[in-house]
N, C-alpha and C. Protein backbone atom coordinates (compact mmCIF):
# COMPACT_ATOMS: atom_id res chain seq x y z
N MET A 1 156.92 64.32 141.74
CA MET A 1 157.38 66.12 142.06
C MET A 1 157.70 66.74 141.51
N VAL A 2 156.46 68.07 141.32
CA VAL A 2 157.19 68.84 139.66
C VAL A 2 156.96 70.37 140.83
N SER A 3 158.09 70.55 140.54
CA SER A 3 158.48 71.81 140.79
C SER A 3 157.19 73.02 140.62
N LYS A 4 157.68 74.19 141.74
CA LYS A 4 156.53 75.02 142.10
C LYS A 4 156.39 75.30 140.93
N ASP A 5 156.82 76.03 140.09
CA ASP A 5 156.22 76.59 138.57
C ASP A 5 155.47 76.13 137.42
N GLN A 6 155.55 74.67 137.94
CA GLN A 6 155.25 73.63 137.15
C GLN A 6 153.07 73.26 137.85
N GLY A 7 153.51 73.80 139.29
CA GLY A 7 152.01 73.31 140.05
C GLY A 7 151.19 74.69 139.51
N ILE A 8 151.63 75.83 140.12
CA ILE A 8 150.96 77.18 138.91
C ILE A 8 150.38 76.76 137.77
N GLY A 9 151.48 76.49 137.26
CA GLY A 9 151.27 76.13 135.71
C GLY A 9 149.56 75.87 135.80
N GLY A 10 149.29 74.49 136.00
CA GLY A 10 148.20 73.27 136.71
C GLY A 10 147.28 73.79 137.10
N LEU A 11 147.45 74.58 138.48
CA LEU A 11 146.26 75.87 138.49
C LEU A 11 145.59 76.09 137.62
N ILE A 12 146.52 77.41 137.07
CA ILE A 12 145.83 78.65 135.69
C ILE A 12 145.39 78.03 135.23
N PHE A 13 145.70 76.55 134.33
CA PHE A 13 145.35 75.56 133.96
C PHE A 13 144.19 75.14 134.50
N VAL A 14 143.81 74.13 135.27
CA VAL A 14 142.42 74.38 135.83
C VAL A 14 141.37 75.21 136.60
N ALA A 15 142.10 76.11 136.39
CA ALA A 15 140.98 77.41 136.62
C ALA A 15 140.42 77.92 135.45
N CYS A 16 141.08 77.66 134.65
CA CYS A 16 141.07 78.89 133.28
C CYS A 16 139.91 77.73 132.54
N VAL A 17 140.04 76.21 132.89
CA VAL A 17 139.40 75.22 131.88
C VAL A 17 138.37 75.26 132.96
N ALA A 18 137.56 75.58 134.34
CA ALA A 18 136.72 75.55 134.97
C ALA A 18 135.94 77.04 134.83
N VAL A 19 136.84 78.19 134.31
CA VAL A 19 135.53 79.62 133.89
C VAL A 19 134.88 79.19 132.36
N ALA A 20 135.89 78.47 131.77
CA ALA A 20 134.89 78.06 129.74
C ALA A 20 134.37 77.39 130.81
N ILE A 21 134.26 76.18 131.81
CA ILE A 21 133.46 75.55 131.48
C ILE A 21 131.88 75.93 131.99
N SER A 22 132.31 76.81 132.59
CA SER A 22 131.38 77.46 133.41
C SER A 22 130.27 79.09 132.54
N TYR A 23 131.68 79.50 132.29
CA TYR A 23 130.40 80.86 131.69
C TYR A 23 129.94 79.80 130.05
N THR A 24 130.70 78.86 129.69
CA THR A 24 129.72 77.80 128.31
C THR A 24 127.95 77.58 129.12
N LEU A 25 128.36 77.35 129.96
CA LEU A 25 127.08 76.98 130.51
C LEU A 25 126.00 77.63 131.00
N ALA A 26 126.65 79.09 131.25
CA ALA A 26 126.23 80.11 132.12
C ALA A 26 125.23 80.66 130.59
N LEU A 27 125.67 81.14 129.99
CA LEU A 27 125.37 81.30 128.21
C LEU A 27 124.40 80.85 127.36
N PHE A 28 124.29 78.87 128.35
CA PHE A 28 123.71 79.19 127.32
C PHE A 28 122.37 78.31 128.56
N TRP A 29 122.38 78.33 129.65
CA TRP A 29 121.39 77.84 130.26
C TRP A 29 120.05 78.14 129.91
N PRO A 30 119.10 77.93 130.71
CA PRO A 30 117.72 78.38 129.46
C PRO A 30 116.85 79.22 131.01
N ALA A 31 117.71 78.77 131.76
CA ALA A 31 117.13 80.06 133.37
C ALA A 31 117.86 81.08 133.26
N LEU A 32 118.87 81.30 132.66
CA LEU A 32 119.43 82.33 132.76
C LEU A 32 119.45 82.93 131.34
N ALA A 33 118.57 83.31 130.55
CA ALA A 33 118.22 83.52 129.34
C ALA A 33 117.98 85.32 129.47
N PRO A 34 117.27 85.34 130.66
CA PRO A 34 117.44 87.14 130.90
C PRO A 34 118.65 87.83 131.01
N PHE A 35 119.67 87.13 131.96
CA PHE A 35 121.21 87.94 131.52
C PHE A 35 122.03 87.16 130.79
N ARG A 36 121.70 86.75 129.49
CA ARG A 36 122.69 86.56 128.72
C ARG A 36 122.93 87.84 127.67
N LEU A 37 122.56 88.91 127.43
CA LEU A 37 123.32 90.27 127.65
C LEU A 37 124.69 90.29 128.28
N TRP A 38 123.86 90.39 129.92
CA TRP A 38 124.95 90.93 130.25
C TRP A 38 125.91 89.58 130.80
N ILE A 39 125.77 88.51 130.15
CA ILE A 39 127.08 87.19 130.36
C ILE A 39 127.65 87.39 129.25
N VAL A 40 127.36 88.31 127.85
CA VAL A 40 128.27 88.35 126.87
C VAL A 40 129.17 89.93 127.31
N ALA A 41 128.32 90.93 127.77
CA ALA A 41 128.43 91.95 127.78
C ALA A 41 129.54 92.68 128.74
N VAL A 42 129.63 91.48 129.72
CA VAL A 42 130.54 92.33 131.18
C VAL A 42 132.15 91.55 130.41
N PRO A 43 132.30 90.75 129.97
CA PRO A 43 133.89 90.36 129.55
C PRO A 43 134.17 90.96 128.55
N VAL A 44 133.08 90.65 127.15
CA VAL A 44 133.44 92.41 126.45
C VAL A 44 134.26 93.77 126.96
N LEU A 45 133.31 93.92 127.88
CA LEU A 45 134.54 95.46 128.19
C LEU A 45 134.78 95.08 129.52
N ILE A 46 134.83 94.06 129.76
CA ILE A 46 136.37 94.02 130.44
C ILE A 46 138.11 93.96 130.02
N ALA A 47 137.29 93.25 128.82
CA ALA A 47 138.59 92.32 127.60
C ALA A 47 138.80 94.04 126.62
N PHE A 48 137.30 94.73 126.80
CA PHE A 48 138.01 96.19 126.14
C PHE A 48 138.60 97.14 126.70
N VAL A 49 138.68 97.35 128.08
CA VAL A 49 138.82 97.89 128.57
C VAL A 49 140.01 97.86 129.56
N ALA A 50 140.19 96.59 129.04
CA ALA A 50 142.17 95.82 129.76
C ALA A 50 143.29 96.21 128.16
N VAL A 51 142.93 95.68 126.99
CA VAL A 51 143.19 96.53 125.57
C VAL A 51 143.40 98.09 126.28
N LEU A 52 142.94 98.14 126.38
CA LEU A 52 142.96 100.54 126.22
C LEU A 52 143.49 100.37 127.40
N GLY A 53 143.53 99.79 128.48
CA GLY A 53 145.01 99.85 129.44
C GLY A 53 145.96 99.98 129.40
N ILE A 54 146.35 98.56 128.30
CA ILE A 54 147.36 97.85 127.38
C ILE A 54 147.71 99.51 126.60
N GLY A 55 147.34 99.32 126.09
CA GLY A 55 147.73 100.63 124.77
C GLY A 55 147.99 102.12 125.97
N ALA A 56 147.11 102.29 126.74
CA ALA A 56 147.54 103.69 127.88
C ALA A 56 148.84 103.03 128.29
N TRP A 57 149.30 102.35 129.12
CA TRP A 57 150.69 102.10 129.44
C TRP A 57 151.72 102.20 128.30
N ILE A 58 151.74 101.72 127.36
CA ILE A 58 152.90 101.61 126.40
C ILE A 58 152.65 103.49 125.67
N GLY A 59 151.44 104.00 125.38
CA GLY A 59 151.53 105.55 125.25
C GLY A 59 152.62 106.13 126.60
N TRP A 60 151.83 106.34 127.86
CA TRP A 60 152.85 106.67 128.79
C TRP A 60 153.72 106.40 128.84
N THR A 61 154.69 105.19 128.51
CA THR A 61 155.83 104.85 128.56
C THR A 61 156.50 105.52 127.54
N MET A 62 156.12 106.13 126.26
CA MET A 62 156.73 105.97 124.80
C MET A 62 156.76 107.78 125.65
N ALA A 63 155.92 108.34 126.04
CA ALA A 63 156.19 110.03 126.21
C ALA A 63 156.91 110.24 127.34
N THR A 64 157.06 109.32 128.59
CA THR A 64 157.75 109.76 129.17
C THR A 64 159.13 109.40 129.01
N THR A 65 159.89 108.33 128.01
CA THR A 65 161.11 108.09 128.30
C THR A 65 162.45 109.06 127.50
N PRO A 66 162.89 109.57 127.72
CA PRO A 66 163.99 110.62 127.28
C PRO A 66 164.05 110.26 126.06
N PRO A 67 164.65 110.91 125.51
CA PRO A 67 164.94 110.29 123.68
C PRO A 67 166.37 109.41 123.49
N PRO A 68 166.77 108.89 123.14
CA PRO A 68 167.85 108.71 122.90
C PRO A 68 169.37 110.16 122.46
N ARG A 69 170.46 109.78 122.60
CA ARG A 69 171.43 110.59 122.66
C ARG A 69 171.47 110.53 120.98
N PRO A 70 172.03 112.03 120.52
CA PRO A 70 172.90 112.04 118.79
C PRO A 70 173.44 110.67 118.98
N ILE A 71 173.64 109.90 118.08
CA ILE A 71 175.07 109.10 117.17
C ILE A 71 176.10 110.03 117.15
N GLU A 72 175.89 111.43 116.67
CA GLU A 72 177.69 112.12 116.72
C GLU A 72 178.06 112.10 117.83
N GLU A 73 176.92 112.47 119.06
CA GLU A 73 177.33 112.67 120.44
C GLU A 73 178.03 111.40 120.81
N LEU A 74 177.62 110.45 120.61
CA LEU A 74 178.18 108.91 120.87
C LEU A 74 179.23 108.67 120.38
N GLU A 75 179.74 108.90 119.00
CA GLU A 75 181.18 109.04 118.66
C GLU A 75 182.04 109.78 119.17
N VAL A 76 181.35 110.80 119.37
CA VAL A 76 182.68 111.66 119.87
C VAL A 76 183.33 111.33 121.26
N GLU A 77 181.97 110.71 121.84
CA GLU A 77 182.25 110.65 123.33
C GLU A 77 183.41 109.24 123.08
N GLU A 78 183.23 108.18 122.66
CA GLU A 78 183.60 107.05 122.27
C GLU A 78 185.30 107.56 121.84
N ALA A 79 185.14 107.96 120.69
CA ALA A 79 186.64 108.96 120.35
C ALA A 79 186.99 109.01 121.59
N GLY A 80 186.37 109.91 122.55
CA GLY A 80 187.14 110.85 123.50
C GLY A 80 188.29 109.62 124.20
N ARG A 81 187.59 108.66 124.81
CA ARG A 81 188.18 107.47 125.38
C ARG A 81 188.85 106.84 125.00
N ALA A 82 188.81 106.84 123.60
CA ALA A 82 189.65 105.73 122.66
C ALA A 82 191.77 106.52 123.13
N GLU A 83 191.16 108.04 122.77
CA GLU A 83 192.37 109.09 123.04
C GLU A 83 193.27 109.07 124.51
N GLU A 84 192.27 108.68 125.33
CA GLU A 84 192.30 108.30 126.91
C GLU A 84 192.58 107.21 127.47
N ALA A 85 192.17 106.03 125.89
CA ALA A 85 193.35 104.68 126.46
C ALA A 85 194.94 105.22 125.89
N GLU A 86 194.63 105.38 124.67
CA GLU A 86 195.76 105.64 124.07
C GLU A 86 197.17 106.14 124.80
N GLU A 87 197.05 107.37 125.97
CA GLU A 87 197.29 108.02 126.26
C GLU A 87 198.10 106.95 127.17
N LYS A 88 197.17 105.92 127.91
CA LYS A 88 198.25 105.22 129.14
C LYS A 88 198.61 104.50 128.98
């Protein structure tokens, strides 16, 4: 008996192999020669847009994340906590 993760991994593996074989056959099938440009161009376009989307997401995350507090401010806060602990 396989675990759920192993089953999903097996399905992903089978799907990837099936797509790779189908893509290779479509690329070299003589009847599909007029569409060969599109067979190459569409996956390249999808990959290019995916990479740009990931880059945009990283940029958005960096632009909207507040900067960290200065180290000096953290040291003062830590010293204050240490003093409070000593008083107790």
